[in-house]
Amino acid sequence: MSKFCEVCNKGVMSGNRVSHSNRKTPHAWAPNIQRVSVVVDGTVTKMNVCTRCLRSGKVQRSV
């Protein structure tokens, strides 16, 4: 499954995990991506969409 949202282009963020002793370890955070059926221009298609876009109503799910 892809790691980015097809609506808002939100993708994987990278950074470091920092321990109590201040040691840094590379880490990646992936968004919560769901493959859902959505209505685009009157047609039903499947897209990879983040849950933030689903919850905010940026896409309309098909029934």
N, C-alpha and C. Protein backbone atom coordinates (compact mmCIF):
# COMPACT_ATOMS: atom_id res chain seq x y z
N MET A 1 0.84 -1.18 0.00
CA MET A 1 0.00 0.00 0.00
C MET A 1 0.89 1.24 0.00
N SER A 2 0.41 2.25 -0.70
CA SER A 2 1.20 3.47 -0.78
C SER A 2 1.22 4.17 0.57
N LYS A 3 2.19 5.03 0.75
CA LYS A 3 2.38 5.70 2.03
C LYS A 3 2.00 7.17 1.96
N PHE A 4 1.16 7.55 0.98
CA PHE A 4 0.76 8.95 0.93
C PHE A 4 -0.71 9.06 0.55
N CYS A 5 -1.31 10.16 0.95
CA CYS A 5 -2.71 10.44 0.69
C CYS A 5 -2.85 11.06 -0.70
N GLU A 6 -3.78 10.55 -1.49
CA GLU A 6 -3.98 11.06 -2.84
C GLU A 6 -4.76 12.37 -2.86
N VAL A 7 -5.30 12.79 -1.72
CA VAL A 7 -6.07 14.03 -1.64
C VAL A 7 -5.17 15.18 -1.20
N CYS A 8 -4.48 15.02 -0.08
CA CYS A 8 -3.69 16.11 0.48
C CYS A 8 -2.18 15.89 0.34
N ASN A 9 -1.77 14.78 -0.27
CA ASN A 9 -0.36 14.44 -0.49
C ASN A 9 0.43 14.32 0.81
N LYS A 10 -0.25 14.00 1.89
CA LYS A 10 0.45 13.77 3.16
C LYS A 10 1.21 12.46 3.04
N GLY A 11 2.49 12.48 3.42
CA GLY A 11 3.32 11.29 3.28
C GLY A 11 4.07 10.97 4.55
N VAL A 12 5.06 10.12 4.42
CA VAL A 12 5.86 9.68 5.55
C VAL A 12 6.74 10.84 6.03
N MET A 13 6.76 11.04 7.34
CA MET A 13 7.64 12.04 7.95
C MET A 13 8.78 11.30 8.63
N SER A 14 9.97 11.87 8.57
CA SER A 14 11.11 11.23 9.21
C SER A 14 11.67 12.12 10.29
N GLY A 15 12.34 11.48 11.22
CA GLY A 15 12.94 12.21 12.32
C GLY A 15 13.72 11.25 13.19
N ASN A 16 13.94 11.64 14.41
CA ASN A 16 14.68 10.80 15.34
C ASN A 16 13.85 10.46 16.56
N ARG A 17 14.00 9.23 17.03
CA ARG A 17 13.52 8.90 18.36
C ARG A 17 14.62 9.32 19.32
N VAL A 18 14.26 9.98 20.40
CA VAL A 18 15.25 10.46 21.34
C VAL A 18 15.01 9.78 22.67
N SER A 19 16.00 9.04 23.16
CA SER A 19 15.85 8.31 24.40
C SER A 19 16.10 9.23 25.59
N HIS A 20 15.89 8.69 26.77
CA HIS A 20 16.12 9.46 27.99
C HIS A 20 17.57 9.90 28.10
N SER A 21 18.49 9.06 27.57
CA SER A 21 19.91 9.41 27.60
C SER A 21 20.31 10.28 26.40
N ASN A 22 19.31 10.75 25.65
CA ASN A 22 19.51 11.66 24.52
C ASN A 22 20.21 11.02 23.33
N ARG A 23 20.09 9.69 23.20
CA ARG A 23 20.60 9.01 22.00
C ARG A 23 19.55 9.13 20.91
N LYS A 24 20.00 9.36 19.67
CA LYS A 24 19.08 9.52 18.55
C LYS A 24 19.08 8.27 17.68
N THR A 25 17.90 7.83 17.30
CA THR A 25 17.72 6.69 16.42
C THR A 25 16.77 7.11 15.30
N PRO A 26 17.15 6.88 14.04
CA PRO A 26 16.26 7.28 12.94
C PRO A 26 14.91 6.56 13.03
N HIS A 27 13.86 7.29 12.69
CA HIS A 27 12.52 6.72 12.76
C HIS A 27 11.65 7.40 11.72
N ALA A 28 10.65 6.68 11.24
CA ALA A 28 9.71 7.23 10.26
C ALA A 28 8.29 7.09 10.78
N TRP A 29 7.48 8.12 10.57
CA TRP A 29 6.07 8.11 10.97
C TRP A 29 5.24 8.13 9.71
N ALA A 30 4.36 7.14 9.58
CA ALA A 30 3.50 7.05 8.40
C ALA A 30 2.09 7.50 8.77
N PRO A 31 1.41 8.20 7.87
CA PRO A 31 0.03 8.60 8.15
C PRO A 31 -0.90 7.38 8.07
N ASN A 32 -2.08 7.53 8.66
CA ASN A 32 -3.07 6.46 8.65
C ASN A 32 -3.80 6.50 7.30
N ILE A 33 -3.36 5.65 6.38
CA ILE A 33 -3.89 5.63 5.02
C ILE A 33 -4.87 4.47 4.88
N GLN A 34 -6.06 4.77 4.33
CA GLN A 34 -7.08 3.77 4.09
C GLN A 34 -7.41 3.74 2.60
N ARG A 35 -7.63 2.55 2.06
CA ARG A 35 -8.07 2.42 0.67
C ARG A 35 -9.59 2.35 0.70
N VAL A 36 -10.24 3.40 0.20
CA VAL A 36 -11.69 3.51 0.28
C VAL A 36 -12.27 3.84 -1.09
N SER A 37 -13.54 3.50 -1.26
CA SER A 37 -14.27 3.87 -2.47
C SER A 37 -14.83 5.27 -2.26
N VAL A 38 -14.51 6.17 -3.18
CA VAL A 38 -14.98 7.55 -3.07
C VAL A 38 -15.65 7.95 -4.37
N VAL A 39 -16.47 9.00 -4.30
CA VAL A 39 -17.14 9.53 -5.48
C VAL A 39 -16.33 10.71 -5.99
N VAL A 40 -15.84 10.60 -7.23
CA VAL A 40 -15.06 11.66 -7.86
C VAL A 40 -15.73 11.97 -9.20
N ASP A 41 -16.24 13.18 -9.36
CA ASP A 41 -16.91 13.63 -10.58
C ASP A 41 -18.05 12.68 -10.98
N GLY A 42 -18.79 12.18 -9.99
CA GLY A 42 -19.94 11.33 -10.25
C GLY A 42 -19.62 9.86 -10.46
N THR A 43 -18.33 9.50 -10.50
CA THR A 43 -17.96 8.10 -10.66
C THR A 43 -17.32 7.59 -9.39
N VAL A 44 -17.51 6.30 -9.14
CA VAL A 44 -16.95 5.68 -7.95
C VAL A 44 -15.58 5.13 -8.30
N THR A 45 -14.57 5.49 -7.49
CA THR A 45 -13.21 5.00 -7.69
C THR A 45 -12.57 4.73 -6.34
N LYS A 46 -11.55 3.89 -6.34
CA LYS A 46 -10.84 3.59 -5.10
C LYS A 46 -9.61 4.48 -5.01
N MET A 47 -9.43 5.06 -3.83
CA MET A 47 -8.29 5.95 -3.61
C MET A 47 -7.66 5.65 -2.27
N ASN A 48 -6.39 5.99 -2.13
CA ASN A 48 -5.71 5.93 -0.86
C ASN A 48 -5.86 7.29 -0.19
N VAL A 49 -6.59 7.32 0.92
CA VAL A 49 -6.94 8.57 1.58
C VAL A 49 -6.57 8.47 3.05
N CYS A 50 -6.03 9.56 3.62
CA CYS A 50 -5.72 9.57 5.04
C CYS A 50 -7.02 9.78 5.83
N THR A 51 -7.02 9.35 7.06
CA THR A 51 -8.22 9.44 7.88
C THR A 51 -8.58 10.88 8.21
N ARG A 52 -7.63 11.78 8.19
CA ARG A 52 -7.92 13.20 8.42
C ARG A 52 -8.80 13.75 7.30
N CYS A 53 -8.51 13.38 6.05
CA CYS A 53 -9.34 13.83 4.93
C CYS A 53 -10.72 13.19 4.97
N LEU A 54 -10.80 11.93 5.38
CA LEU A 54 -12.10 11.27 5.51
C LEU A 54 -12.94 11.94 6.57
N ARG A 55 -12.34 12.25 7.70
CA ARG A 55 -13.07 12.81 8.82
C ARG A 55 -13.50 14.25 8.55
N SER A 56 -12.67 15.01 7.84
CA SER A 56 -12.98 16.42 7.60
C SER A 56 -13.92 16.61 6.43
N GLY A 57 -14.21 15.54 5.68
CA GLY A 57 -15.15 15.63 4.58
C GLY A 57 -14.55 16.12 3.28
N LYS A 58 -13.25 15.99 3.09
CA LYS A 58 -12.63 16.41 1.84
C LYS A 58 -12.97 15.48 0.69
N VAL A 59 -13.35 14.25 1.01
CA VAL A 59 -13.82 13.29 0.00
C VAL A 59 -15.15 12.74 0.47
N GLN A 60 -15.95 12.29 -0.50
CA GLN A 60 -17.24 11.70 -0.18
C GLN A 60 -17.17 10.21 -0.45
N ARG A 61 -17.39 9.41 0.59
CA ARG A 61 -17.36 7.97 0.43
C ARG A 61 -18.59 7.49 -0.31
N SER A 62 -18.41 6.46 -1.12
CA SER A 62 -19.56 5.86 -1.81
C SER A 62 -20.18 4.83 -0.88
N VAL A 63 -21.45 4.58 -1.10
CA VAL A 63 -22.16 3.64 -0.23
C VAL A 63 -22.29 2.29 -0.87
